[in-house]
Amino acid sequence: MKRILITNDDGFESPGLHALVEALRPLGHVTVVAPTLEKSACGHSLTLTRPLRFVEIDDDFFKLDDGTPTDCIYLSKHALFDENRLPDLVVSGINKGANMGEDITYSGTAAGAMEAVLQGIPGVAISQVCRSRCQNLDELGFELAKEAAYTICKKILEEGFPLGERKFLNVNVPPVPPKACHGYKITKAGYRLYGNDAHMHRNPRGEEYYWLGLHPLEWIPDEKMLCDFEAIKADCVSITPIQLDLTSYEDLDRLKRWL
């Protein structure tokens, strides 16, 4: 039986996590290790300044108190699996909200898949895009995301992982029901447009504090319609191959001449 390890960055109680478990259980034995608290935008961070503890919630379902998605995968390999019988696949999600363009570098969801491939295990990150900050996912549901997760993971488990070492799949699902989806599209990561949205407040003692805001989902248009943003705009499931090698190879010779 295939072994699937699931994590997320929205916390162990997230409806998206439980939807993913439901979708993938028919494919093999599922183990869940998720953060105790929401860790959105924590990036590929490890916890090095305090101890971490597994708390068993149910059979093969653990929360890591208080870890990141990266911690969850890193420690699961060490504590829950035999070195000779590692998971066949790690899936991170289903995230509430998009993880496209450069947001991948912020994403705790993507980081779960990143850590998997660093540990030699195929990894997939899957996110449910929302139409707005306040879109009610209870109304939209995760049916299309569950269908996409099942389809992609089944193909991986049956035919093998399509990417090389230290590469993972980043999947984004449009905010439409399954019947309105226009299929799957292989994409590149787009160019997100960023602002700087921070709100200053004062507590009753007069001390300043800040809340970081969220930016509208805007991007530089891709004329060839090949990026993840354009695929979602067209109501397609976006599948982007991501590599962890961040070297700008086209600049190596230029940098040598500059030096």
Protein backbone atom coordinates (compact mmCIF):
# COMPACT_ATOMS: atom_id res chain seq x y z
CA MET A 1 0.00 0.00 0.00
CA LYS A 2 1.25 3.49 -0.88
CA ARG A 3 2.05 5.82 2.00
CA ILE A 4 1.01 9.47 1.84
CA LEU A 5 2.11 12.14 4.32
CA ILE A 6 -0.09 15.25 4.52
CA THR A 7 0.66 18.62 6.09
CA ASN A 8 -0.53 22.23 5.70
CA ASP A 9 0.07 25.74 7.00
CA ASP A 10 -3.49 26.56 8.11
CA GLY A 11 -3.35 24.34 11.17
CA PHE A 12 -4.60 20.87 12.07
CA GLU A 13 -8.26 21.96 12.29
CA SER A 14 -8.40 23.48 8.82
CA PRO A 15 -11.32 22.29 6.64
CA GLY A 16 -8.94 22.24 3.66
CA LEU A 17 -6.66 19.76 5.42
CA HIS A 18 -9.56 17.44 6.22
CA ALA A 19 -10.86 17.72 2.66
CA LEU A 20 -7.44 16.66 1.39
CA VAL A 21 -7.37 13.66 3.72
CA GLU A 22 -10.79 12.62 2.48
CA ALA A 23 -9.71 12.96 -1.15
CA LEU A 24 -6.49 10.95 -0.81
CA ARG A 25 -7.51 8.12 1.53
CA PRO A 26 -8.64 5.93 -1.41
CA LEU A 27 -5.06 6.09 -2.76
CA GLY A 28 -3.18 4.66 0.20
CA HIS A 29 -2.34 4.90 3.90
CA VAL A 30 -2.55 8.53 5.00
CA THR A 31 -0.58 10.07 7.86
CA VAL A 32 -1.25 13.67 8.86
CA VAL A 33 1.21 15.93 10.67
CA ALA A 34 0.08 19.55 10.75
CA PRO A 35 0.94 22.68 12.75
CA THR A 36 -1.04 23.39 15.89
CA LEU A 37 -1.58 27.01 14.88
CA GLU A 38 -1.95 28.75 11.55
CA LYS A 39 1.47 29.32 9.98
CA SER A 40 0.50 31.16 6.82
CA ALA A 41 3.38 33.01 5.14
CA CYS A 42 5.96 31.36 7.40
CA GLY A 43 8.00 30.35 4.36
CA HIS A 44 10.51 27.51 4.49
CA SER A 45 11.31 28.01 8.17
CA LEU A 46 12.61 25.52 10.75
CA THR A 47 12.14 25.93 14.51
CA LEU A 48 15.60 25.98 16.11
CA THR A 49 15.06 27.91 19.36
CA ARG A 50 12.58 25.69 21.22
CA PRO A 51 11.66 22.00 21.44
CA LEU A 52 8.80 20.51 19.42
CA ARG A 53 6.30 17.84 20.43
CA PHE A 54 3.97 15.55 18.51
CA VAL A 55 0.43 15.49 19.92
CA GLU A 56 -1.68 12.58 18.68
CA ILE A 57 -5.21 13.68 17.75
CA ASP A 58 -6.35 10.42 16.15
CA ASP A 59 -4.83 7.34 14.54
CA ASP A 60 -2.05 8.57 12.24
CA PHE A 61 -3.14 12.16 12.81
CA PHE A 62 -0.78 14.44 14.74
CA LYS A 63 -0.39 18.12 15.44
CA LEU A 64 3.11 19.46 15.98
CA ASP A 65 3.11 21.79 18.94
CA ASP A 66 4.16 24.46 17.85
CA GLY A 67 5.86 23.78 14.52
CA THR A 68 5.93 24.98 10.95
CA PRO A 69 5.06 22.89 7.87
CA THR A 70 8.79 22.41 7.31
CA ASP A 71 9.16 21.12 10.88
CA CYS A 72 6.26 18.73 10.27
CA ILE A 73 7.93 17.06 7.29
CA TYR A 74 11.46 17.17 8.71
CA LEU A 75 10.50 15.59 12.02
CA SER A 76 7.98 13.13 10.55
CA LYS A 77 10.72 11.53 8.49
CA HIS A 78 12.85 11.16 11.61
CA ALA A 79 10.20 10.13 14.16
CA LEU A 80 7.31 8.46 12.35
CA PHE A 81 8.84 6.62 9.40
CA ASP A 82 11.50 4.00 8.95
CA GLU A 83 14.41 5.17 6.81
CA ASN A 84 13.84 2.19 4.55
CA ARG A 85 10.09 2.82 4.24
CA LEU A 86 9.54 6.52 3.70
CA PRO A 87 6.32 8.08 2.38
CA ASP A 88 5.75 7.65 -1.33
CA LEU A 89 4.35 11.17 -1.53
CA VAL A 90 3.99 14.33 0.55
CA VAL A 91 1.01 16.59 -0.13
CA SER A 92 0.69 20.02 1.50
CA GLY A 93 -2.70 21.77 1.62
CA ILE A 94 -5.43 22.36 0.75
CA ASN A 95 -4.50 25.95 1.46
CA LYS A 96 -7.19 28.61 1.85
CA GLY A 97 -6.02 31.13 -0.70
CA ALA A 98 -3.69 31.32 -3.69
CA ASN A 99 0.02 30.53 -3.76
CA MET A 100 1.10 31.88 -7.14
CA GLY A 101 3.99 33.87 -8.53
CA GLU A 102 6.55 35.06 -5.99
CA ASP A 103 4.09 34.30 -3.17
CA ILE A 104 5.53 30.79 -3.39
CA THR A 105 8.55 32.08 -1.45
CA TYR A 106 6.31 33.23 1.42
CA SER A 107 4.10 30.17 1.42
CA GLY A 108 4.12 27.65 4.25
CA THR A 109 2.05 25.39 2.01
CA ALA A 110 4.75 25.40 -0.66
CA ALA A 111 7.37 24.94 2.06
CA GLY A 112 5.87 21.59 3.07
CA ALA A 113 6.45 20.32 -0.47
CA MET A 114 9.89 21.97 -0.58
CA GLU A 115 11.01 20.11 2.52
CA ALA A 116 9.68 16.85 1.13
CA VAL A 117 11.82 17.04 -1.99
CA LEU A 118 14.85 18.07 0.07
CA GLN A 119 14.31 14.87 2.05
CA GLY A 120 14.10 12.82 -1.15
CA ILE A 121 10.29 12.42 -1.21
CA PRO A 122 8.06 13.63 -4.06
CA GLY A 123 6.09 16.72 -3.04
CA VAL A 124 2.92 18.50 -4.12
CA ALA A 125 1.49 21.77 -2.77
CA ILE A 126 -2.16 22.49 -3.48
CA SER A 127 -4.06 25.74 -2.87
CA GLN A 128 -7.65 26.85 -3.32
CA VAL A 129 -7.80 30.32 -4.84
CA CYS A 130 -10.55 32.60 -3.47
CA ARG A 131 -12.35 35.30 -5.43
CA SER A 132 -11.92 37.77 -2.59
CA ARG A 133 -10.58 37.93 0.94
CA CYS A 134 -14.01 37.20 2.34
CA GLN A 135 -15.20 34.48 -0.04
CA ASN A 136 -17.00 31.85 1.98
CA LEU A 137 -15.28 28.52 1.36
CA ASP A 138 -18.09 26.79 3.21
CA GLU A 139 -20.26 27.82 0.28
CA LEU A 140 -17.68 27.18 -2.45
CA GLY A 141 -16.35 24.04 -0.82
CA PHE A 142 -13.25 22.12 -1.83
CA GLU A 143 -14.84 19.77 -4.36
CA LEU A 144 -12.73 20.86 -7.33
CA ALA A 145 -9.58 20.96 -5.18
CA LYS A 146 -10.30 17.44 -3.90
CA GLU A 147 -10.87 16.23 -7.45
CA ALA A 148 -7.61 17.83 -8.62
CA ALA A 149 -5.64 16.45 -5.67
CA TYR A 150 -6.95 12.95 -6.28
CA THR A 151 -6.30 13.07 -10.04
CA ILE A 152 -2.74 14.42 -9.76
CA CYS A 153 -1.69 12.24 -6.83
CA LYS A 154 -3.15 9.10 -8.37
CA LYS A 155 -1.13 9.69 -11.52
CA ILE A 156 2.04 10.25 -9.47
CA LEU A 157 1.56 7.10 -7.39
CA GLU A 158 0.77 4.96 -10.42
CA GLU A 159 3.20 6.37 -12.99
CA GLY A 160 5.94 8.01 -10.92
CA PHE A 161 6.84 11.59 -10.12
CA PRO A 162 7.31 13.62 -13.31
CA LEU A 163 10.09 15.90 -12.01
CA GLY A 164 13.75 15.48 -11.07
CA GLU A 165 15.44 15.96 -7.72
CA ARG A 166 14.64 19.01 -5.58
CA LYS A 167 11.62 19.96 -7.66
CA PHE A 168 7.95 19.93 -6.64
CA LEU A 169 4.53 20.60 -8.13
CA ASN A 170 2.67 23.75 -7.11
CA VAL A 171 -1.06 23.40 -7.82
CA ASN A 172 -3.61 26.21 -7.68
CA VAL A 173 -7.33 25.56 -8.08
CA PRO A 174 -9.74 28.19 -9.48
CA PRO A 175 -12.70 29.32 -7.32
CA VAL A 176 -15.34 27.51 -9.37
CA PRO A 177 -17.31 24.25 -8.99
CA PRO A 178 -15.99 21.18 -10.87
CA LYS A 179 -18.44 21.57 -13.77
CA ALA A 180 -17.19 25.12 -14.45
CA CYS A 181 -13.50 24.14 -14.55
CA HIS A 182 -11.88 24.35 -17.99
CA GLY A 183 -9.31 21.64 -17.38
CA TYR A 184 -5.67 21.49 -16.30
CA LYS A 185 -2.90 23.76 -17.54
CA ILE A 186 0.86 23.46 -17.11
CA THR A 187 2.13 26.92 -16.20
CA LYS A 188 5.10 28.97 -15.14
CA ALA A 189 5.06 31.12 -12.01
CA GLY A 190 3.78 34.58 -12.87
CA TYR A 191 5.01 38.01 -11.80
CA ARG A 192 2.95 39.21 -8.86
CA LEU A 193 2.45 42.93 -8.26
CA TYR A 194 3.10 43.94 -4.67
CA GLY A 195 2.23 46.92 -2.53
CA ASN A 196 3.09 47.78 1.04
CA ASP A 197 0.06 47.59 3.30
CA ALA A 198 0.68 48.04 7.03
CA HIS A 199 -1.76 49.47 9.56
CA MET A 200 -0.55 51.20 12.71
CA HIS A 201 -2.67 51.09 15.89
CA ARG A 202 -2.15 51.91 19.55
CA ASN A 203 -2.94 49.72 22.51
CA PRO A 204 -4.53 51.12 25.71
CA ARG A 205 -1.04 51.97 26.99
CA GLY A 206 -0.37 54.14 23.97
CA GLU A 207 2.20 51.77 22.48
CA GLU A 208 2.29 51.39 18.71
CA TYR A 209 1.69 48.08 16.97
CA TYR A 210 1.17 47.09 13.36
CA TRP A 211 -1.00 44.70 11.37
CA LEU A 212 0.33 43.71 7.96
CA GLY A 213 -2.37 43.89 5.31
CA LEU A 214 -3.16 41.71 2.31
CA HIS A 215 -2.63 42.83 -1.27
CA PRO A 216 -5.08 42.39 -4.16
CA LEU A 217 -4.24 39.44 -6.39
CA GLU A 218 -2.70 41.43 -9.25
CA TRP A 219 0.03 40.48 -11.71
CA ILE A 220 1.91 41.55 -14.82
CA PRO A 221 -0.13 40.20 -17.76
CA ASP A 222 1.38 37.25 -19.60
CA GLU A 223 0.75 37.73 -23.33
CA LYS A 224 1.20 34.01 -24.03
CA MET A 225 -1.22 33.10 -21.22
CA LEU A 226 1.33 30.66 -19.77
CA CYS A 227 1.50 31.75 -16.13
CA ASP A 228 -0.40 30.50 -13.10
CA PHE A 229 -2.41 33.73 -12.71
CA GLU A 230 -3.68 33.53 -16.29
CA ALA A 231 -4.66 29.87 -15.88
CA ILE A 232 -6.72 30.67 -12.79
CA LYS A 233 -8.31 33.64 -14.57
CA ALA A 234 -9.38 31.18 -17.30
CA ASP A 235 -10.88 28.84 -14.64
CA CYS A 236 -8.20 26.19 -15.19
CA VAL A 237 -6.30 24.22 -12.55
CA SER A 238 -2.72 25.52 -12.66
CA ILE A 239 0.16 23.04 -12.25
CA THR A 240 3.59 24.67 -11.97
CA PRO A 241 6.91 22.81 -11.69
CA ILE A 242 9.07 24.54 -9.08
CA GLN A 243 12.81 24.01 -8.58
CA LEU A 244 14.71 24.85 -5.42
CA ASP A 245 17.87 25.88 -7.29
CA LEU A 246 17.54 29.68 -7.26
CA THR A 247 20.71 30.34 -9.26
CA SER A 248 20.30 32.89 -12.05
CA TYR A 249 22.32 30.96 -14.62
CA GLU A 250 21.87 33.55 -17.35
CA ASP A 251 23.72 36.06 -15.16
CA LEU A 252 26.78 33.96 -14.29
CA ASP A 253 28.94 35.14 -17.19
CA ARG A 254 27.70 38.72 -16.83
CA LEU A 255 28.62 38.69 -13.14
CA LYS A 256 32.09 37.30 -13.90
CA ARG A 257 32.70 40.13 -16.34
CA TRP A 258 31.36 42.65 -13.83
CA LEU A 259 33.75 41.40 -11.14
